[in-house]
PDB file of all heavy atoms in Angstrom:
ATOM      1  N   VAL A   1     130.988  42.982  22.178  1.00  0.00           N
ATOM      2  CA  VAL A   1     131.511  42.277  23.344  1.00  0.00           C
ATOM      3  C   VAL A   1     130.670  41.040  23.642  1.00  0.00           C
ATOM      4  O   VAL A   1     131.206  39.964  23.917  1.00  0.00           O
ATOM      5  CB  VAL A   1     131.557  43.227  24.560  1.00  0.00           C
ATOM      6  CG1 VAL A   1     131.916  42.476  25.820  1.00  0.00           C
ATOM      7  CG2 VAL A   1     132.536  44.357  24.316  1.00  0.00           C
ATOM      8  N   LEU A   2     129.356  41.168  23.593  1.00  0.00           N
ATOM      9  CA  LEU A   2     128.488  40.029  23.898  1.00  0.00           C
ATOM     10  C   LEU A   2     128.469  38.989  22.778  1.00  0.00           C
ATOM     11  O   LEU A   2     127.939  37.904  22.966  1.00  0.00           O
ATOM     12  CB  LEU A   2     127.074  40.514  24.210  1.00  0.00           C
ATOM     13  CG  LEU A   2     126.934  41.278  25.523  1.00  0.00           C
ATOM     14  CD1 LEU A   2     125.531  41.844  25.663  1.00  0.00           C
ATOM     15  CD2 LEU A   2     127.279  40.401  26.699  1.00  0.00           C
ATOM     16  N   ALA A   3     129.053  39.310  21.645  1.00  0.00           N
ATOM     17  CA  ALA A   3     129.144  38.319  20.572  1.00  0.00           C
ATOM     18  C   ALA A   3     130.144  37.215  20.919  1.00  0.00           C
ATOM     19  O   ALA A   3     130.057  36.110  20.396  1.00  0.00           O
ATOM     20  CB  ALA A   3     129.547  38.990  19.266  1.00  0.00           C
ATOM     21  N   ASP A   4     131.074  37.496  21.826  1.00  0.00           N
ATOM     22  CA  ASP A   4     132.047  36.507  22.272  1.00  0.00           C
ATOM     23  C   ASP A   4     131.379  35.577  23.279  1.00  0.00           C
ATOM     24  O   ASP A   4     130.876  36.017  24.310  1.00  0.00           O
ATOM     25  CB  ASP A   4     133.242  37.210  22.908  1.00  0.00           C
ATOM     26  CG  ASP A   4     134.325  36.255  23.331  1.00  0.00           C
ATOM     27  OD1 ASP A   4     134.341  35.099  22.855  1.00  0.00           O
ATOM     28  OD2 ASP A   4     135.178  36.661  24.148  1.00  0.00           O
ATOM     29  N   LEU A   5     131.381  34.272  22.994  1.00  0.00           N
ATOM     30  CA  LEU A   5     130.689  33.291  23.825  1.00  0.00           C
ATOM     31  C   LEU A   5     131.249  33.242  25.242  1.00  0.00           C
ATOM     32  O   LEU A   5     130.486  33.195  26.214  1.00  0.00           O
ATOM     33  CB  LEU A   5     130.762  31.900  23.186  1.00  0.00           C
ATOM     34  CG  LEU A   5     130.119  30.772  23.998  1.00  0.00           C
ATOM     35  CD1 LEU A   5     128.627  31.008  24.130  1.00  0.00           C
ATOM     36  CD2 LEU A   5     130.394  29.432  23.350  1.00  0.00           C
ATOM     37  N   GLN A   6     132.554  33.272  25.392  1.00  0.00           N
ATOM     38  CA  GLN A   6     133.145  33.197  26.730  1.00  0.00           C
ATOM     39  C   GLN A   6     132.758  34.399  27.576  1.00  0.00           C
ATOM     40  O   GLN A   6     132.427  34.264  28.757  1.00  0.00           O
ATOM     41  CB  GLN A   6     134.662  33.100  26.640  1.00  0.00           C
ATOM     42  CG  GLN A   6     135.135  31.773  26.125  1.00  0.00           C
ATOM     43  CD  GLN A   6     136.650  31.707  26.067  1.00  0.00           C
ATOM     44  OE1 GLN A   6     137.334  32.723  26.061  1.00  0.00           O
ATOM     45  NE2 GLN A   6     137.174  30.490  25.999  1.00  0.00           N
ATOM     46  N   PHE A   7     132.771  35.585  27.000  1.00  0.00           N
ATOM     47  CA  PHE A   7     132.376  36.770  27.757  1.00  0.00           C
ATOM     48  C   PHE A   7     130.894  36.723  28.091  1.00  0.00           C
ATOM     49  O   PHE A   7     130.491  37.101  29.190  1.00  0.00           O
ATOM     50  CB  PHE A   7     132.694  38.055  26.994  1.00  0.00           C
ATOM     51  CG  PHE A   7     132.353  39.276  27.783  1.00  0.00           C
ATOM     52  CD1 PHE A   7     133.225  39.753  28.748  1.00  0.00           C
ATOM     53  CD2 PHE A   7     131.152  39.934  27.584  1.00  0.00           C
ATOM     54  CE1 PHE A   7     132.898  40.864  29.499  1.00  0.00           C
ATOM     55  CE2 PHE A   7     130.824  41.047  28.326  1.00  0.00           C
ATOM     56  CZ  PHE A   7     131.698  41.515  29.280  1.00  0.00           C
ATOM     57  N   ARG A   8     130.092  36.245  27.141  1.00  0.00           N
ATOM     58  CA  ARG A   8     128.654  36.157  27.379  1.00  0.00           C
ATOM     59  C   ARG A   8     128.356  35.217  28.545  1.00  0.00           C
ATOM     60  O   ARG A   8     127.546  35.518  29.421  1.00  0.00           O
ATOM     61  CB  ARG A   8     127.944  35.700  26.103  1.00  0.00           C
ATOM     62  CG  ARG A   8     126.456  35.857  26.159  1.00  0.00           C
ATOM     63  CD  ARG A   8     125.774  35.657  24.819  1.00  0.00           C
ATOM     64  NE  ARG A   8     126.266  34.508  24.084  1.00  0.00           N
ATOM     65  CZ  ARG A   8     126.666  34.539  22.821  1.00  0.00           C
ATOM     66  NH1 ARG A   8     126.645  35.679  22.158  1.00  0.00           N
ATOM     67  NH2 ARG A   8     127.070  33.457  22.216  1.00  0.00           N
ATOM     68  N   LEU A   9     129.043  34.070  28.605  1.00  0.00           N
ATOM     69  CA  LEU A   9     128.849  33.132  29.715  1.00  0.00           C
ATOM     70  C   LEU A   9     129.313  33.738  31.036  1.00  0.00           C
ATOM     71  O   LEU A   9     128.652  33.594  32.062  1.00  0.00           O
ATOM     72  CB  LEU A   9     129.594  31.829  29.442  1.00  0.00           C
ATOM     73  CG  LEU A   9     129.013  30.949  28.346  1.00  0.00           C
ATOM     74  CD1 LEU A   9     129.922  29.771  28.061  1.00  0.00           C
ATOM     75  CD2 LEU A   9     127.621  30.484  28.718  1.00  0.00           C
ATOM     76  N   LEU A  10     130.438  34.411  31.019  1.00  0.00           N
ATOM     77  CA  LEU A  10     130.937  35.069  32.224  1.00  0.00           C
ATOM     78  C   LEU A  10     129.966  36.148  32.686  1.00  0.00           C
ATOM     79  O   LEU A  10     129.691  36.286  33.883  1.00  0.00           O
ATOM     80  CB  LEU A  10     132.316  35.666  31.965  1.00  0.00           C
ATOM     81  CG  LEU A  10     132.998  36.331  33.141  1.00  0.00           C
ATOM     82  CD1 LEU A  10     133.300  35.321  34.228  1.00  0.00           C
ATOM     83  CD2 LEU A  10     134.269  37.023  32.689  1.00  0.00           C
ATOM     84  N   PHE A  11     129.427  36.908  31.760  1.00  0.00           N
ATOM     85  CA  PHE A  11     128.484  37.976  32.075  1.00  0.00           C
ATOM     86  C   PHE A  11     127.211  37.408  32.704  1.00  0.00           C
ATOM     87  O   PHE A  11     126.733  37.909  33.721  1.00  0.00           O
ATOM     88  CB  PHE A  11     128.161  38.756  30.795  1.00  0.00           C
ATOM     89  CG  PHE A  11     127.305  39.963  31.002  1.00  0.00           C
ATOM     90  CD1 PHE A  11     127.809  41.084  31.640  1.00  0.00           C
ATOM     91  CD2 PHE A  11     126.001  39.981  30.545  1.00  0.00           C
ATOM     92  CE1 PHE A  11     127.014  42.203  31.827  1.00  0.00           C
ATOM     93  CE2 PHE A  11     125.204  41.093  30.724  1.00  0.00           C
ATOM     94  CZ  PHE A  11     125.711  42.208  31.369  1.00  0.00           C
ATOM     95  N   VAL A  12     126.677  36.339  32.122  1.00  0.00           N
ATOM     96  CA  VAL A  12     125.451  35.728  32.646  1.00  0.00           C
ATOM     97  C   VAL A  12     125.689  35.134  34.028  1.00  0.00           C
ATOM     98  O   VAL A  12     124.870  35.309  34.941  1.00  0.00           O
ATOM     99  CB  VAL A  12     124.909  34.669  31.659  1.00  0.00           C
ATOM    100  CG1 VAL A  12     123.816  33.828  32.288  1.00  0.00           C
ATOM    101  CG2 VAL A  12     124.387  35.344  30.408  1.00  0.00           C
ATOM    102  N   THR A  13     126.812  34.432  34.212  1.00  0.00           N
ATOM    103  CA  THR A  13     127.083  33.853  35.526  1.00  0.00           C
ATOM    104  C   THR A  13     127.294  34.941  36.574  1.00  0.00           C
ATOM    105  O   THR A  13     126.908  34.781  37.726  1.00  0.00           O
ATOM    106  CB  THR A  13     128.301  32.918  35.503  1.00  0.00           C
ATOM    107  OG1 THR A  13     129.438  33.615  35.002  1.00  0.00           O
ATOM    108  CG2 THR A  13     128.033  31.690  34.666  1.00  0.00           C
ATOM    109  N   ARG A  14     127.882  36.052  36.187  1.00  0.00           N
ATOM    110  CA  ARG A  14     128.073  37.149  37.140  1.00  0.00           C
ATOM    111  C   ARG A  14     126.730  37.759  37.526  1.00  0.00           C
ATOM    112  O   ARG A  14     126.509  38.096  38.691  1.00  0.00           O
ATOM    113  CB  ARG A  14     128.990  38.213  36.529  1.00  0.00           C
ATOM    114  CG  ARG A  14     129.366  39.275  37.492  1.00  0.00           C
ATOM    115  CD  ARG A  14     130.230  38.734  38.619  1.00  0.00           C
ATOM    116  NE  ARG A  14     130.439  39.776  39.594  1.00  0.00           N
ATOM    117  CZ  ARG A  14     130.563  39.576  40.877  1.00  0.00           C
ATOM    118  NH1 ARG A  14     130.554  38.359  41.358  1.00  0.00           N
ATOM    119  NH2 ARG A  14     130.722  40.566  41.690  1.00  0.00           N
ATOM    120  N   ILE A  15     125.832  37.918  36.571  1.00  0.00           N
ATOM    121  CA  ILE A  15     124.494  38.434  36.876  1.00  0.00           C
ATOM    122  C   ILE A  15     123.779  37.492  37.834  1.00  0.00           C
ATOM    123  O   ILE A  15     123.158  37.923  38.812  1.00  0.00           O
ATOM    124  CB  ILE A  15     123.674  38.626  35.584  1.00  0.00           C
ATOM    125  CG1 ILE A  15     124.189  39.826  34.808  1.00  0.00           C
ATOM    126  CG2 ILE A  15     122.191  38.800  35.899  1.00  0.00           C
ATOM    127  CD1 ILE A  15     123.540  40.007  33.457  1.00  0.00           C
ATOM    128  N   LEU A  16     123.870  36.182  37.579  1.00  0.00           N
ATOM    129  CA  LEU A  16     123.229  35.213  38.462  1.00  0.00           C
ATOM    130  C   LEU A  16     123.845  35.243  39.862  1.00  0.00           C
ATOM    131  O   LEU A  16     123.140  35.125  40.867  1.00  0.00           O
ATOM    132  CB  LEU A  16     123.332  33.812  37.869  1.00  0.00           C
ATOM    133  CG  LEU A  16     122.494  33.554  36.622  1.00  0.00           C
ATOM    134  CD1 LEU A  16     122.806  32.176  36.040  1.00  0.00           C
ATOM    135  CD2 LEU A  16     121.018  33.684  36.933  1.00  0.00           C
ATOM    136  N   THR A  17     125.146  35.392  39.942  1.00  0.00           N
ATOM    137  CA  THR A  17     125.819  35.420  41.239  1.00  0.00           C
ATOM    138  C   THR A  17     125.424  36.651  42.045  1.00  0.00           C
ATOM    139  O   THR A  17     125.131  36.546  43.242  1.00  0.00           O
ATOM    140  CB  THR A  17     127.347  35.391  41.042  1.00  0.00           C
ATOM    141  OG1 THR A  17     127.695  34.226  40.328  1.00  0.00           O
ATOM    142  CG2 THR A  17     128.071  35.403  42.358  1.00  0.00           C
ATOM    143  N   VAL A  18     125.411  37.800  41.415  1.00  0.00           N
ATOM    144  CA  VAL A  18     125.031  39.024  42.122  1.00  0.00           C
ATOM    145  C   VAL A  18     123.574  38.938  42.573  1.00  0.00           C
ATOM    146  O   VAL A  18     123.240  39.312  43.706  1.00  0.00           O
ATOM    147  CB  VAL A  18     125.270  40.267  41.233  1.00  0.00           C
ATOM    148  CG1 VAL A  18     124.642  41.506  41.831  1.00  0.00           C
ATOM    149  CG2 VAL A  18     126.757  40.472  41.018  1.00  0.00           C
ATOM    150  N   SER A  19     122.704  38.406  41.725  1.00  0.00           N
ATOM    151  CA  SER A  19     121.291  38.252  42.094  1.00  0.00           C
ATOM    152  C   SER A  19     121.136  37.279  43.257  1.00  0.00           C
ATOM    153  O   SER A  19     120.374  37.538  44.195  1.00  0.00           O
ATOM    154  CB  SER A  19     120.478  37.755  40.898  1.00  0.00           C
ATOM    155  OG  SER A  19     120.574  38.653  39.835  1.00  0.00           O
ATOM    156  N   ALA A  20     121.851  36.160  43.214  1.00  0.00           N
ATOM    157  CA  ALA A  20     121.766  35.176  44.293  1.00  0.00           C
ATOM    158  C   ALA A  20     122.305  35.735  45.599  1.00  0.00           C
ATOM    159  O   ALA A  20     121.733  35.489  46.670  1.00  0.00           O
ATOM    160  CB  ALA A  20     122.527  33.908  43.906  1.00  0.00           C
ATOM    161  N   ASP A  21     123.398  36.490  45.537  1.00  0.00           N
ATOM    162  CA  ASP A  21     123.946  37.105  46.754  1.00  0.00           C
ATOM    163  C   ASP A  21     122.958  38.099  47.357  1.00  0.00           C
ATOM    164  O   ASP A  21     122.753  38.125  48.571  1.00  0.00           O
ATOM    165  CB  ASP A  21     125.264  37.814  46.455  1.00  0.00           C
ATOM    166  CG  ASP A  21     126.440  36.881  46.447  1.00  0.00           C
ATOM    167  OD1 ASP A  21     126.303  35.738  46.929  1.00  0.00           O
ATOM    168  OD2 ASP A  21     127.504  37.288  45.953  1.00  0.00           O
ATOM    169  N   SER A  22     122.360  38.903  46.525  1.00  0.00           N
ATOM    170  CA  SER A  22     121.396  39.884  47.017  1.00  0.00           C
ATOM    171  C   SER A  22     120.199  39.192  47.652  1.00  0.00           C
ATOM    172  O   SER A  22     119.748  39.572  48.739  1.00  0.00           O
ATOM    173  CB  SER A  22     120.923  40.785  45.880  1.00  0.00           C
ATOM    174  OG  SER A  22     122.013  41.458  45.316  1.00  0.00           O
ATOM    175  N   LEU A  23     119.706  38.155  46.994  1.00  0.00           N
ATOM    176  CA  LEU A  23     118.574  37.399  47.526  1.00  0.00           C
ATOM    177  C   LEU A  23     118.952  36.705  48.828  1.00  0.00           C
ATOM    178  O   LEU A  23     118.159  36.680  49.777  1.00  0.00           O
ATOM    179  CB  LEU A  23     118.103  36.380  46.491  1.00  0.00           C
ATOM    180  CG  LEU A  23     116.858  35.586  46.840  1.00  0.00           C
ATOM    181  CD1 LEU A  23     115.672  36.530  47.030  1.00  0.00           C
ATOM    182  CD2 LEU A  23     116.559  34.579  45.741  1.00  0.00           C
ATOM    183  N   ARG A  24     120.169  36.181  48.922  1.00  0.00           N
ATOM    184  CA  ARG A  24     120.629  35.506  50.132  1.00  0.00           C
ATOM    185  C   ARG A  24     120.679  36.478  51.304  1.00  0.00           C
ATOM    186  O   ARG A  24     120.220  36.176  52.405  1.00  0.00           O
ATOM    187  CB  ARG A  24     122.012  34.900  49.908  1.00  0.00           C
ATOM    188  CG  ARG A  24     122.630  34.276  51.146  1.00  0.00           C
ATOM    189  CD  ARG A  24     124.041  33.789  50.905  1.00  0.00           C
ATOM    190  NE  ARG A  24     124.930  34.783  50.318  1.00  0.00           N
ATOM    191  CZ  ARG A  24     125.602  35.692  51.021  1.00  0.00           C
ATOM    192  NH1 ARG A  24     125.488  35.744  52.323  1.00  0.00           N
ATOM    193  NH2 ARG A  24     126.406  36.545  50.416  1.00  0.00           N
ATOM    194  N   ILE A  25     121.223  37.661  51.076  1.00  0.00           N
ATOM    195  CA  ILE A  25     121.349  38.642  52.151  1.00  0.00           C
ATOM    196  C   ILE A  25     119.977  39.116  52.619  1.00  0.00           C
ATOM    197  O   ILE A  25     119.707  39.209  53.826  1.00  0.00           O
ATOM    198  CB  ILE A  25     122.226  39.820  51.692  1.00  0.00           C
ATOM    199  CG1 ILE A  25     123.681  39.351  51.524  1.00  0.00           C
ATOM    200  CG2 ILE A  25     122.155  40.979  52.668  1.00  0.00           C
ATOM    201  CD1 ILE A  25     124.580  40.365  50.854  1.00  0.00           C
ATOM    202  N   VAL A  26     119.077  39.392  51.687  1.00  0.00           N
ATOM    203  CA  VAL A  26     117.736  39.843  52.058  1.00  0.00           C
ATOM    204  C   VAL A  26     116.980  38.740  52.787  1.00  0.00           C
ATOM    205  O   VAL A  26     116.310  38.985  53.798  1.00  0.00           O
ATOM    206  CB  VAL A  26     116.961  40.325  50.809  1.00  0.00           C
ATOM    207  CG1 VAL A  26     115.496  40.544  51.113  1.00  0.00           C
ATOM    208  CG2 VAL A  26     117.585  41.594  50.271  1.00  0.00           C
ATOM    209  N   THR A  27     117.104  37.499  52.311  1.00  0.00           N
ATOM    210  CA  THR A  27     116.416  36.376  52.951  1.00  0.00           C
ATOM    211  C   THR A  27     116.930  36.149  54.365  1.00  0.00           C
ATOM    212  O   THR A  27     116.144  35.951  55.298  1.00  0.00           O
ATOM    213  CB  THR A  27     116.595  35.099  52.110  1.00  0.00           C
ATOM    214  OG1 THR A  27     116.095  35.339  50.800  1.00  0.00           O
ATOM    215  CG2 THR A  27     115.854  33.938  52.731  1.00  0.00           C
ATOM    216  N   LEU A  28     118.243  36.181  54.533  1.00  0.00           N
ATOM    217  CA  LEU A  28     118.819  35.976  55.860  1.00  0.00           C
ATOM    218  C   LEU A  28     118.376  37.068  56.829  1.00  0.00           C
ATOM    219  O   LEU A  28     117.980  36.774  57.970  1.00  0.00           O
ATOM    220  CB  LEU A  28     120.345  35.947  55.770  1.00  0.00           C
ATOM    221  CG  LEU A  28     121.084  35.691  57.082  1.00  0.00           C
ATOM    222  CD1 LEU A  28     120.729  34.314  57.629  1.00  0.00           C
ATOM    223  CD2 LEU A  28     122.572  35.810  56.862  1.00  0.00           C
ATOM    224  N   SER A  29     118.388  38.305  56.398  1.00  0.00           N
ATOM    225  CA  SER A  29     117.972  39.386  57.303  1.00  0.00           C
ATOM    226  C   SER A  29     116.473  39.297  57.604  1.00  0.00           C
ATOM    227  O   SER A  29     116.047  39.589  58.733  1.00  0.00           O
ATOM    228  CB  SER A  29     118.329  40.748  56.718  1.00  0.00           C
ATOM    229  OG  SER A  29     117.675  40.954  55.491  1.00  0.00           O
ATOM    230  N   THR A  30     115.682  38.867  56.641  1.00  0.00           N
ATOM    231  CA  THR A  30     114.248  38.692  56.883  1.00  0.00           C
ATOM    232  C   THR A  30     113.993  37.569  57.873  1.00  0.00           C
ATOM    233  O   THR A  30     113.148  37.695  58.763  1.00  0.00           O
ATOM    234  CB  THR A  30     113.515  38.412  55.557  1.00  0.00           C
ATOM    235  OG1 THR A  30     113.779  39.478  54.651  1.00  0.00           O
ATOM    236  CG2 THR A  30     112.025  38.270  55.770  1.00  0.00           C
ATOM    237  N   LEU A  31     114.736  36.463  57.737  1.00  0.00           N
ATOM    238  CA  LEU A  31     114.583  35.368  58.681  1.00  0.00           C
ATOM    239  C   LEU A  31     115.007  35.771  60.088  1.00  0.00           C
ATOM    240  O   LEU A  31     114.363  35.392  61.070  1.00  0.00           O
ATOM    241  CB  LEU A  31     115.395  34.157  58.210  1.00  0.00           C
ATOM    242  CG  LEU A  31     114.843  33.407  57.011  1.00  0.00           C
ATOM    243  CD1 LEU A  31     115.831  32.342  56.541  1.00  0.00           C
ATOM    244  CD2 LEU A  31     113.500  32.779  57.345  1.00  0.00           C
TER     245      LEU A  31
END
């Protein structure tokens, strides 16, 4: 599955999005 470039890009962007959302929520609640 990860050999497909389009899926690999989608997978990486999804990981970055979930990480950014989690960081945003934690940062906002901390502030």
